[in-house]
Amino acid sequence: AVITVVGKDTVGILAKVSGICAENKINITEVTQSVLEDMFCMIML
C-alpha cells in the first residue's frame, strides 16, 4: 500500500502513523518525509 500524510508539522506524526501500521501487522518498507516551512509531507510504502 501507498500511504500519504500531509499537514501542519507537529511532534509524533511519523510515530503515530507507524504505530497504527504496527498495531495491524503492517510493515513499513520505505518512507520519505520532508518539512516544507511548517508543512509535513510523508509517503510510505
ModelCIF file with pLDDT and N, C-alpha, C, O atoms, coordinates in Angstrom:
data_MODEL
#
_entry.id   MODEL 
#
_entity.id                         1 
_entity.type                       polymer 
_entity.pdbx_number_of_molecules   1 
#
_entity_poly.entity_id                      1 
_entity_poly.type                           'polypeptide(L)' 
_entity_poly.nstd_linkage                   no 
_entity_poly.nstd_monomer                   no 
_entity_poly.pdbx_seq_one_letter_code       AVITVVGKDTVGILAKVSGICAENKINITEVTQSVLEDMFCMIML 
_entity_poly.pdbx_seq_one_letter_code_can   AVITVVGKDTVGILAKVSGICAENKINITEVTQSVLEDMFCMIML 
_entity_poly.pdbx_strand_id                 A 
#
loop_
_entity_poly_seq.entity_id 
_entity_poly_seq.num 
_entity_poly_seq.mon_id 
_entity_poly_seq.hetero 
1 1  ALA n 
1 2  VAL n 
1 3  ILE n 
1 4  THR n 
1 5  VAL n 
1 6  VAL n 
1 7  GLY n 
1 8  LYS n 
1 9  ASP n 
1 10 THR n 
1 11 VAL n 
1 12 GLY n 
1 13 ILE n 
1 14 LEU n 
1 15 ALA n 
1 16 LYS n 
1 17 VAL n 
1 18 SER n 
1 19 GLY n 
1 20 ILE n 
1 21 CYS n 
1 22 ALA n 
1 23 GLU n 
1 24 ASN n 
1 25 LYS n 
1 26 ILE n 
1 27 ASN n 
1 28 ILE n 
1 29 THR n 
1 30 GLU n 
1 31 VAL n 
1 32 THR n 
1 33 GLN n 
1 34 SER n 
1 35 VAL n 
1 36 LEU n 
1 37 GLU n 
1 38 ASP n 
1 39 MET n 
1 40 PHE n 
1 41 CYS n 
1 42 MET n 
1 43 ILE n 
1 44 MET n 
1 45 LEU n 
#
_struct_asym.id          A 
_struct_asym.entity_id   1 
#
loop_
_ma_qa_metric.id 
_ma_qa_metric.mode 
_ma_qa_metric.name 
_ma_qa_metric.software_group_id 
_ma_qa_metric.type 
1 global pLDDT . pLDDT 
2 local  pLDDT . pLDDT 
#
_ma_qa_metric_global.metric_id      1 
_ma_qa_metric_global.metric_value   96.78 
_ma_qa_metric_global.model_id       1 
_ma_qa_metric_global.ordinal_id     1 
#
loop_
_ma_qa_metric_local.label_asym_id 
_ma_qa_metric_local.label_comp_id 
_ma_qa_metric_local.label_seq_id 
_ma_qa_metric_local.metric_id 
_ma_qa_metric_local.metric_value 
_ma_qa_metric_local.model_id 
_ma_qa_metric_local.ordinal_id 
A ALA 1  2 96.00 1 1  
A VAL 2  2 95.00 1 2  
A ILE 3  2 98.00 1 3  
A THR 4  2 97.00 1 4  
A VAL 5  2 98.00 1 5  
A VAL 6  2 98.00 1 6  
A GLY 7  2 98.00 1 7  
A LYS 8  2 97.00 1 8  
A ASP 9  2 96.00 1 9  
A THR 10 2 95.00 1 10 
A VAL 11 2 95.00 1 11 
A GLY 12 2 96.00 1 12 
A ILE 13 2 97.00 1 13 
A LEU 14 2 96.00 1 14 
A ALA 15 2 97.00 1 15 
A LYS 16 2 97.00 1 16 
A VAL 17 2 98.00 1 17 
A SER 18 2 97.00 1 18 
A GLY 19 2 97.00 1 19 
A ILE 20 2 97.00 1 20 
A CYS 21 2 98.00 1 21 
A ALA 22 2 97.00 1 22 
A GLU 23 2 97.00 1 23 
A ASN 24 2 97.00 1 24 
A LYS 25 2 98.00 1 25 
A ILE 26 2 98.00 1 26 
A ASN 27 2 98.00 1 27 
A ILE 28 2 98.00 1 28 
A THR 29 2 98.00 1 29 
A GLU 30 2 97.00 1 30 
A VAL 31 2 97.00 1 31 
A THR 32 2 97.00 1 32 
A GLN 33 2 96.00 1 33 
A SER 34 2 97.00 1 34 
A VAL 35 2 96.00 1 35 
A LEU 36 2 93.00 1 36 
A GLU 37 2 93.00 1 37 
A ASP 38 2 94.00 1 38 
A MET 39 2 97.00 1 39 
A PHE 40 2 97.00 1 40 
A CYS 41 2 98.00 1 41 
A MET 42 2 98.00 1 42 
A ILE 43 2 97.00 1 43 
A MET 44 2 97.00 1 44 
A LEU 45 2 97.00 1 45 
#
loop_
_atom_site.group_PDB 
_atom_site.id 
_atom_site.type_symbol 
_atom_site.label_atom_id 
_atom_site.label_alt_id 
_atom_site.label_comp_id 
_atom_site.label_asym_id 
_atom_site.label_entity_id 
_atom_site.label_seq_id 
_atom_site.pdbx_PDB_ins_code 
_atom_site.Cartn_x 
_atom_site.Cartn_y 
_atom_site.Cartn_z 
_atom_site.occupancy 
_atom_site.B_iso_or_equiv 
_atom_site.pdbx_formal_charge 
_atom_site.auth_seq_id 
_atom_site.auth_comp_id 
_atom_site.auth_asym_id 
_atom_site.auth_atom_id 
_atom_site.pdbx_PDB_model_num 
ATOM 1   N N  . ALA A 1 1  ? 0.849  -1.190 0.000  1.00 96.00 ? 1  ALA A N  1 
ATOM 2   C CA . ALA A 1 1  ? 0.000  0.000  0.000  1.00 96.00 ? 1  ALA A CA 1 
ATOM 3   C C  . ALA A 1 1  ? 0.881  1.234  0.000  1.00 96.00 ? 1  ALA A C  1 
ATOM 4   O O  . ALA A 1 1  ? 2.011  1.212  0.488  1.00 96.00 ? 1  ALA A O  1 
ATOM 5   N N  . VAL A 1 2  ? 0.346  2.310  -0.555 1.00 95.00 ? 2  VAL A N  1 
ATOM 6   C CA . VAL A 1 2  ? 0.992  3.608  -0.523 1.00 95.00 ? 2  VAL A CA 1 
ATOM 7   C C  . VAL A 1 2  ? 0.201  4.468  0.464  1.00 95.00 ? 2  VAL A C  1 
ATOM 8   O O  . VAL A 1 2  ? -1.018 4.595  0.353  1.00 95.00 ? 2  VAL A O  1 
ATOM 9   N N  . ILE A 1 3  ? 0.910  5.056  1.429  1.00 98.00 ? 3  ILE A N  1 
ATOM 10  C CA . ILE A 1 3  ? 0.285  5.898  2.446  1.00 98.00 ? 3  ILE A CA 1 
ATOM 11  C C  . ILE A 1 3  ? 0.868  7.299  2.311  1.00 98.00 ? 3  ILE A C  1 
ATOM 12  O O  . ILE A 1 3  ? 2.087  7.469  2.292  1.00 98.00 ? 3  ILE A O  1 
ATOM 13  N N  . THR A 1 4  ? 0.004  8.295  2.218  1.00 97.00 ? 4  THR A N  1 
ATOM 14  C CA . THR A 1 4  ? 0.472  9.682  2.152  1.00 97.00 ? 4  THR A CA 1 
ATOM 15  C C  . THR A 1 4  ? -0.074 10.459 3.340  1.00 97.00 ? 4  THR A C  1 
ATOM 16  O O  . THR A 1 4  ? -1.208 10.249 3.771  1.00 97.00 ? 4  THR A O  1 
ATOM 17  N N  . VAL A 1 5  ? 0.747  11.356 3.860  1.00 98.00 ? 5  VAL A N  1 
ATOM 18  C CA . VAL A 1 5  ? 0.371  12.187 5.003  1.00 98.00 ? 5  VAL A CA 1 
ATOM 19  C C  . VAL A 1 5  ? 0.820  13.619 4.694  1.00 98.00 ? 5  VAL A C  1 
ATOM 20  O O  . VAL A 1 5  ? 1.981  13.863 4.368  1.00 98.00 ? 5  VAL A O  1 
ATOM 21  N N  . VAL A 1 6  ? -0.120 14.555 4.803  1.00 98.00 ? 6  VAL A N  1 
ATOM 22  C CA . VAL A 1 6  ? 0.196  15.965 4.587  1.00 98.00 ? 6  VAL A CA 1 
ATOM 23  C C  . VAL A 1 6  ? -0.522 16.778 5.646  1.00 98.00 ? 6  VAL A C  1 
ATOM 24  O O  . VAL A 1 6  ? -1.695 16.537 5.929  1.00 98.00 ? 6  VAL A O  1 
ATOM 25  N N  . GLY A 1 7  ? 0.178  17.745 6.235  1.00 98.00 ? 7  GLY A N  1 
ATOM 26  C CA . GLY A 1 7  ? -0.452 18.626 7.212  1.00 98.00 ? 7  GLY A CA 1 
ATOM 27  C C  . GLY A 1 7  ? 0.582  19.452 7.948  1.00 98.00 ? 7  GLY A C  1 
ATOM 28  O O  . GLY A 1 7  ? 1.782  19.355 7.691  1.00 98.00 ? 7  GLY A O  1 
ATOM 29  N N  . LYS A 1 8  ? 0.097  20.258 8.859  1.00 97.00 ? 8  LYS A N  1 
ATOM 30  C CA . LYS A 1 8  ? 0.981  21.105 9.661  1.00 97.00 ? 8  LYS A CA 1 
ATOM 31  C C  . LYS A 1 8  ? 1.892  20.211 10.505 1.00 97.00 ? 8  LYS A C  1 
ATOM 32  O O  . LYS A 1 8  ? 1.437  19.255 11.133 1.00 97.00 ? 8  LYS A O  1 
ATOM 33  N N  . ASP A 1 9  ? 3.173  20.537 10.506 1.00 96.00 ? 9  ASP A N  1 
ATOM 34  C CA . ASP A 1 9  ? 4.158  19.737 11.230 1.00 96.00 ? 9  ASP A CA 1 
ATOM 35  C C  . ASP A 1 9  ? 3.934  19.821 12.734 1.00 96.00 ? 9  ASP A C  1 
ATOM 36  O O  . ASP A 1 9  ? 3.838  20.909 13.301 1.00 96.00 ? 9  ASP A O  1 
ATOM 37  N N  . THR A 1 10 ? 3.854  18.665 13.369 1.00 95.00 ? 10 THR A N  1 
ATOM 38  C CA . THR A 1 10 ? 3.773  18.563 14.830 1.00 95.00 ? 10 THR A CA 1 
ATOM 39  C C  . THR A 1 10 ? 4.599  17.350 15.261 1.00 95.00 ? 10 THR A C  1 
ATOM 40  O O  . THR A 1 10 ? 4.938  16.492 14.445 1.00 95.00 ? 10 THR A O  1 
ATOM 41  N N  . VAL A 1 11 ? 4.906  17.295 16.520 1.00 95.00 ? 11 VAL A N  1 
ATOM 42  C CA . VAL A 1 11 ? 5.682  16.185 17.068 1.00 95.00 ? 11 VAL A CA 1 
ATOM 43  C C  . VAL A 1 11 ? 4.854  14.899 17.027 1.00 95.00 ? 11 VAL A C  1 
ATOM 44  O O  . VAL A 1 11 ? 3.690  14.894 17.428 1.00 95.00 ? 11 VAL A O  1 
ATOM 45  N N  . GLY A 1 12 ? 5.454  13.815 16.545 1.00 96.00 ? 12 GLY A N  1 
ATOM 46  C CA . GLY A 1 12 ? 4.853  12.496 16.672 1.00 96.00 ? 12 GLY A CA 1 
ATOM 47  C C  . GLY A 1 12 ? 4.044  11.986 15.499 1.00 96.00 ? 12 GLY A C  1 
ATOM 48  O O  . GLY A 1 12 ? 3.451  10.912 15.597 1.00 96.00 ? 12 GLY A O  1 
ATOM 49  N N  . ILE A 1 13 ? 3.995  12.713 14.392 1.00 97.00 ? 13 ILE A N  1 
ATOM 50  C CA . ILE A 1 13 ? 3.177  12.234 13.262 1.00 97.00 ? 13 ILE A CA 1 
ATOM 51  C C  . ILE A 1 13 ? 3.703  10.892 12.757 1.00 97.00 ? 13 ILE A C  1 
ATOM 52  O O  . ILE A 1 13 ? 2.942  9.933  12.629 1.00 97.00 ? 13 ILE A O  1 
ATOM 53  N N  . LEU A 1 14 ? 4.989  10.826 12.473 1.00 96.00 ? 14 LEU A N  1 
ATOM 54  C CA . LEU A 1 14 ? 5.575  9.580  11.974 1.00 96.00 ? 14 LEU A CA 1 
ATOM 55  C C  . LEU A 1 14 ? 5.371  8.450  12.975 1.00 96.00 ? 14 LEU A C  1 
ATOM 56  O O  . LEU A 1 14 ? 5.027  7.334  12.586 1.00 96.00 ? 14 LEU A O  1 
ATOM 57  N N  . ALA A 1 15 ? 5.578  8.724  14.245 1.00 97.00 ? 15 ALA A N  1 
ATOM 58  C CA . ALA A 1 15 ? 5.418  7.697  15.283 1.00 97.00 ? 15 ALA A CA 1 
ATOM 59  C C  . ALA A 1 15 ? 3.984  7.178  15.343 1.00 97.00 ? 15 ALA A C  1 
ATOM 60  O O  . ALA A 1 15 ? 3.770  5.970  15.446 1.00 97.00 ? 15 ALA A O  1 
ATOM 61  N N  . LYS A 1 16 ? 3.013  8.064  15.281 1.00 97.00 ? 16 LYS A N  1 
ATOM 62  C CA . LYS A 1 16 ? 1.617  7.635  15.391 1.00 97.00 ? 16 LYS A CA 1 
ATOM 63  C C  . LYS A 1 16 ? 1.178  6.837  14.165 1.00 97.00 ? 16 LYS A C  1 
ATOM 64  O O  . LYS A 1 16 ? 0.541  5.792  14.298 1.00 97.00 ? 16 LYS A O  1 
ATOM 65  N N  . VAL A 1 17 ? 1.516  7.328  12.972 1.00 98.00 ? 17 VAL A N  1 
ATOM 66  C CA . VAL A 1 17 ? 1.121  6.614  11.755 1.00 98.00 ? 17 VAL A CA 1 
ATOM 67  C C  . VAL A 1 17 ? 1.795  5.245  11.701 1.00 98.00 ? 17 VAL A C  1 
ATOM 68  O O  . VAL A 1 17 ? 1.145  4.249  11.383 1.00 98.00 ? 17 VAL A O  1 
ATOM 69  N N  . SER A 1 18 ? 3.079  5.187  12.007 1.00 97.00 ? 18 SER A N  1 
ATOM 70  C CA . SER A 1 18 ? 3.753  3.894  12.003 1.00 97.00 ? 18 SER A CA 1 
ATOM 71  C C  . SER A 1 18 ? 3.223  2.997  13.122 1.00 97.00 ? 18 SER A C  1 
ATOM 72  O O  . SER A 1 18 ? 3.214  1.774  12.977 1.00 97.00 ? 18 SER A O  1 
ATOM 73  N N  . GLY A 1 19 ? 2.784  3.585  14.231 1.00 97.00 ? 19 GLY A N  1 
ATOM 74  C CA . GLY A 1 19 ? 2.167  2.808  15.309 1.00 97.00 ? 19 GLY A CA 1 
ATOM 75  C C  . GLY A 1 19 ? 0.869  2.160  14.882 1.00 97.00 ? 19 GLY A C  1 
ATOM 76  O O  . GLY A 1 19 ? 0.607  1.005  15.219 1.00 97.00 ? 19 GLY A O  1 
ATOM 77  N N  . ILE A 1 20 ? 0.048  2.897  14.137 1.00 97.00 ? 20 ILE A N  1 
ATOM 78  C CA . ILE A 1 20 ? -1.205 2.331  13.617 1.00 97.00 ? 20 ILE A CA 1 
ATOM 79  C C  . ILE A 1 20 ? -0.880 1.169  12.678 1.00 97.00 ? 20 ILE A C  1 
ATOM 80  O O  . ILE A 1 20 ? -1.561 0.143  12.698 1.00 97.00 ? 20 ILE A O  1 
ATOM 81  N N  . CYS A 1 21 ? 0.154  1.329  11.861 1.00 98.00 ? 21 CYS A N  1 
ATOM 82  C CA . CYS A 1 21 ? 0.584  0.237  10.984 1.00 98.00 ? 21 CYS A CA 1 
ATOM 83  C C  . CYS A 1 21 ? 1.000  -0.981 11.816 1.00 98.00 ? 21 CYS A C  1 
ATOM 84  O O  . CYS A 1 21 ? 0.564  -2.099 11.543 1.00 98.00 ? 21 CYS A O  1 
ATOM 85  N N  . ALA A 1 22 ? 1.831  -0.766 12.813 1.00 97.00 ? 22 ALA A N  1 
ATOM 86  C CA . ALA A 1 22 ? 2.335  -1.870 13.641 1.00 97.00 ? 22 ALA A CA 1 
ATOM 87  C C  . ALA A 1 22 ? 1.206  -2.599 14.363 1.00 97.00 ? 22 ALA A C  1 
ATOM 88  O O  . ALA A 1 22 ? 1.223  -3.826 14.465 1.00 97.00 ? 22 ALA A O  1 
ATOM 89  N N  . GLU A 1 23 ? 0.225  -1.850 14.865 1.00 97.00 ? 23 GLU A N  1 
ATOM 90  C CA . GLU A 1 23 ? -0.916 -2.465 15.559 1.00 97.00 ? 23 GLU A CA 1 
ATOM 91  C C  . GLU A 1 23 ? -1.662 -3.447 14.653 1.00 97.00 ? 23 GLU A C  1 
ATOM 92  O O  . GLU A 1 23 ? -2.290 -4.390 15.133 1.00 97.00 ? 23 GLU A O  1 
ATOM 93  N N  . ASN A 1 24 ? -1.587 -3.220 13.348 1.00 97.00 ? 24 ASN A N  1 
ATOM 94  C CA . ASN A 1 24 ? -2.301 -4.051 12.380 1.00 97.00 ? 24 ASN A CA 1 
ATOM 95  C C  . ASN A 1 24 ? -1.390 -4.985 11.599 1.00 97.00 ? 24 ASN A C  1 
ATOM 96  O O  . ASN A 1 24 ? -1.790 -5.532 10.571 1.00 97.00 ? 24 ASN A O  1 
ATOM 97  N N  . LYS A 1 25 ? -0.152 -5.170 12.091 1.00 98.00 ? 25 LYS A N  1 
ATOM 98  C CA . LYS A 1 25 ? 0.844  -6.064 11.471 1.00 98.00 ? 25 LYS A CA 1 
ATOM 99  C C  . LYS A 1 25 ? 1.158  -5.645 10.032 1.00 98.00 ? 25 LYS A C  1 
ATOM 100 O O  . LYS A 1 25 ? 1.350  -6.484 9.152  1.00 98.00 ? 25 LYS A O  1 
ATOM 101 N N  . ILE A 1 26 ? 1.206  -4.336 9.818  1.00 98.00 ? 26 ILE A N  1 
ATOM 102 C CA . ILE A 1 26 ? 1.563  -3.776 8.522  1.00 98.00 ? 26 ILE A CA 1 
ATOM 103 C C  . ILE A 1 26 ? 2.978  -3.230 8.647  1.00 98.00 ? 26 ILE A C  1 
ATOM 104 O O  . ILE A 1 26 ? 3.259  -2.382 9.494  1.00 98.00 ? 26 ILE A O  1 
ATOM 105 N N  . ASN A 1 27 ? 3.871  -3.733 7.783  1.00 98.00 ? 27 ASN A N  1 
ATOM 106 C CA . ASN A 1 27 ? 5.281  -3.388 7.855  1.00 98.00 ? 27 ASN A CA 1 
ATOM 107 C C  . ASN A 1 27 ? 5.604  -2.247 6.897  1.00 98.00 ? 27 ASN A C  1 
ATOM 108 O O  . ASN A 1 27 ? 5.300  -2.329 5.707  1.00 98.00 ? 27 ASN A O  1 
ATOM 109 N N  . ILE A 1 28 ? 6.208  -1.200 7.401  1.00 98.00 ? 28 ILE A N  1 
ATOM 110 C CA . ILE A 1 28 ? 6.640  -0.083 6.570  1.00 98.00 ? 28 ILE A CA 1 
ATOM 111 C C  . ILE A 1 28 ? 7.975  -0.465 5.952  1.00 98.00 ? 28 ILE A C  1 
ATOM 112 O O  . ILE A 1 28 ? 8.948  -0.711 6.663  1.00 98.00 ? 28 ILE A O  1 
ATOM 113 N N  . THR A 1 29 ? 8.017  -0.512 4.631  1.00 98.00 ? 29 THR A N  1 
ATOM 114 C CA . THR A 1 29 ? 9.239  -0.930 3.943  1.00 98.00 ? 29 THR A CA 1 
ATOM 115 C C  . THR A 1 29 ? 10.061 0.251  3.441  1.00 98.00 ? 29 THR A C  1 
ATOM 116 O O  . THR A 1 29 ? 11.284 0.156  3.337  1.00 98.00 ? 29 THR A O  1 
ATOM 117 N N  . GLU A 1 30 ? 9.400  1.358  3.130  1.00 97.00 ? 30 GLU A N  1 
ATOM 118 C CA . GLU A 1 30 ? 10.110 2.566  2.707  1.00 97.00 ? 30 GLU A CA 1 
ATOM 119 C C  . GLU A 1 30 ? 9.340  3.775  3.193  1.00 97.00 ? 30 GLU A C  1 
ATOM 120 O O  . GLU A 1 30 ? 8.112  3.756  3.279  1.00 97.00 ? 30 GLU A O  1 
ATOM 121 N N  . VAL A 1 31 ? 10.080 4.830  3.512  1.00 97.00 ? 31 VAL A N  1 
ATOM 122 C CA . VAL A 1 31 ? 9.434  6.077  3.928  1.00 97.00 ? 31 VAL A CA 1 
ATOM 123 C C  . VAL A 1 31 ? 10.297 7.254  3.492  1.00 97.00 ? 31 VAL A C  1 
ATOM 124 O O  . VAL A 1 31 ? 11.525 7.220  3.571  1.00 97.00 ? 31 VAL A O  1 
ATOM 125 N N  . THR A 1 32 ? 9.628  8.273  3.041  1.00 97.00 ? 32 THR A N  1 
ATOM 126 C CA . THR A 1 32 ? 10.310 9.530  2.754  1.00 97.00 ? 32 THR A CA 1 
ATOM 127 C C  . THR A 1 32 ? 9.445  10.635 3.347  1.00 97.00 ? 32 THR A C  1 
ATOM 128 O O  . THR A 1 32 ? 8.217  10.602 3.267  1.00 97.00 ? 32 THR A O  1 
ATOM 129 N N  . GLN A 1 33 ? 10.109 11.599 3.933  1.00 96.00 ? 33 GLN A N  1 
ATOM 130 C CA . GLN A 1 33 ? 9.362  12.708 4.533  1.00 96.00 ? 33 GLN A CA 1 
ATOM 131 C C  . GLN A 1 33 ? 10.172 13.978 4.407  1.00 96.00 ? 33 GLN A C  1 
ATOM 132 O O  . GLN A 1 33 ? 11.399 13.956 4.308  1.00 96.00 ? 33 GLN A O  1 
ATOM 133 N N  . SER A 1 34 ? 9.461  15.072 4.413  1.00 97.00 ? 34 SER A N  1 
ATOM 134 C CA . SER A 1 34 ? 10.126 16.363 4.428  1.00 97.00 ? 34 SER A CA 1 
ATOM 135 C C  . SER A 1 34 ? 9.198  17.370 5.083  1.00 97.00 ? 34 SER A C  1 
ATOM 136 O O  . SER A 1 34 ? 7.983  17.186 5.148  1.00 97.00 ? 34 SER A O  1 
ATOM 137 N N  . VAL A 1 35 ? 9.807  18.430 5.560  1.00 96.00 ? 35 VAL A N  1 
ATOM 138 C CA . VAL A 1 35 ? 9.047  19.526 6.143  1.00 96.00 ? 35 VAL A CA 1 
ATOM 139 C C  . VAL A 1 35 ? 9.342  20.744 5.284  1.00 96.00 ? 35 VAL A C  1 
ATOM 140 O O  . VAL A 1 35 ? 10.486 21.187 5.183  1.00 96.00 ? 35 VAL A O  1 
ATOM 141 N N  . LEU A 1 36 ? 8.302  21.277 4.672  1.00 93.00 ? 36 LEU A N  1 
ATOM 142 C CA . LEU A 1 36 ? 8.415  22.454 3.816  1.00 93.00 ? 36 LEU A CA 1 
ATOM 143 C C  . LEU A 1 36 ? 7.829  23.616 4.598  1.00 93.00 ? 36 LEU A C  1 
ATOM 144 O O  . LEU A 1 36 ? 6.613  23.738 4.740  1.00 93.00 ? 36 LEU A O  1 
ATOM 145 N N  . GLU A 1 37 ? 8.715  24.471 5.104  1.00 93.00 ? 37 GLU A N  1 
ATOM 146 C CA . GLU A 1 37 ? 8.358  25.512 6.069  1.00 93.00 ? 37 GLU A CA 1 
ATOM 147 C C  . GLU A 1 37 ? 7.697  24.820 7.256  1.00 93.00 ? 37 GLU A C  1 
ATOM 148 O O  . GLU A 1 37 ? 8.406  24.163 8.019  1.00 93.00 ? 37 GLU A O  1 
ATOM 149 N N  . ASP A 1 38 ? 6.396  24.925 7.460  1.00 94.00 ? 38 ASP A N  1 
ATOM 150 C CA . ASP A 1 38 ? 5.763  24.232 8.584  1.00 94.00 ? 38 ASP A CA 1 
ATOM 151 C C  . ASP A 1 38 ? 4.828  23.122 8.105  1.00 94.00 ? 38 ASP A C  1 
ATOM 152 O O  . ASP A 1 38 ? 3.997  22.642 8.876  1.00 94.00 ? 38 ASP A O  1 
ATOM 153 N N  . MET A 1 39 ? 4.957  22.708 6.831  1.00 97.00 ? 39 MET A N  1 
ATOM 154 C CA . MET A 1 39 ? 4.096  21.678 6.255  1.00 97.00 ? 39 MET A CA 1 
ATOM 155 C C  . MET A 1 39 ? 4.826  20.338 6.228  1.00 97.00 ? 39 MET A C  1 
ATOM 156 O O  . MET A 1 39 ? 5.892  20.215 5.624  1.00 97.00 ? 39 MET A O  1 
ATOM 157 N N  . PHE A 1 40 ? 4.249  19.341 6.882  1.00 97.00 ? 40 PHE A N  1 
ATOM 158 C CA . PHE A 1 40 ? 4.814  17.995 6.943  1.00 97.00 ? 40 PHE A CA 1 
ATOM 159 C C  . PHE A 1 40 ? 4.271  17.194 5.761  1.00 97.00 ? 40 PHE A C  1 
ATOM 160 O O  . PHE A 1 40 ? 3.065  17.186 5.517  1.00 97.00 ? 40 PHE A O  1 
ATOM 161 N N  . CYS A 1 41 ? 5.160  16.520 5.025  1.00 98.00 ? 41 CYS A N  1 
ATOM 162 C CA . CYS A 1 41 ? 4.773  15.695 3.886  1.00 98.00 ? 41 CYS A CA 1 
ATOM 163 C C  . CYS A 1 41 ? 5.489  14.348 4.001  1.00 98.00 ? 41 CYS A C  1 
ATOM 164 O O  . CYS A 1 41 ? 6.703  14.295 4.196  1.00 98.00 ? 41 CYS A O  1 
ATOM 165 N N  . MET A 1 42 ? 4.728  13.269 3.879  1.00 98.00 ? 42 MET A N  1 
ATOM 166 C CA . MET A 1 42 ? 5.337  11.945 4.015  1.00 98.00 ? 42 MET A CA 1 
ATOM 167 C C  . MET A 1 42 ? 4.663  10.970 3.057  1.00 98.00 ? 42 MET A C  1 
ATOM 168 O O  . MET A 1 42 ? 3.452  11.017 2.844  1.00 98.00 ? 42 MET A O  1 
ATOM 169 N N  . ILE A 1 43 ? 5.479  10.087 2.486  1.00 97.00 ? 43 ILE A N  1 
ATOM 170 C CA . ILE A 1 43 ? 4.983  8.977  1.676  1.00 97.00 ? 43 ILE A CA 1 
ATOM 171 C C  . ILE A 1 43 ? 5.603  7.709  2.237  1.00 97.00 ? 43 ILE A C  1 
ATOM 172 O O  . ILE A 1 43 ? 6.812  7.639  2.457  1.00 97.00 ? 43 ILE A O  1 
ATOM 173 N N  . MET A 1 44 ? 4.761  6.709  2.466  1.00 97.00 ? 44 MET A N  1 
ATOM 174 C CA . MET A 1 44 ? 5.225  5.418  2.966  1.00 97.00 ? 44 MET A CA 1 
ATOM 175 C C  . MET A 1 44 ? 4.811  4.321  1.990  1.00 97.00 ? 44 MET A C  1 
ATOM 176 O O  . MET A 1 44 ? 3.741  4.387  1.384  1.00 97.00 ? 44 MET A O  1 
ATOM 177 N N  . LEU A 1 45 ? 5.656  3.331  1.847  1.00 97.00 ? 45 LEU A N  1 
ATOM 178 C CA . LEU A 1 45 ? 5.308  2.111  1.144  1.00 97.00 ? 45 LEU A CA 1 
ATOM 179 C C  . LEU A 1 45 ? 5.243  1.035  2.218  1.00 97.00 ? 45 LEU A C  1 
ATOM 180 O O  . LEU A 1 45 ? 4.964  -0.125 1.914  1.00 97.00 ? 45 LEU A O  1 
#
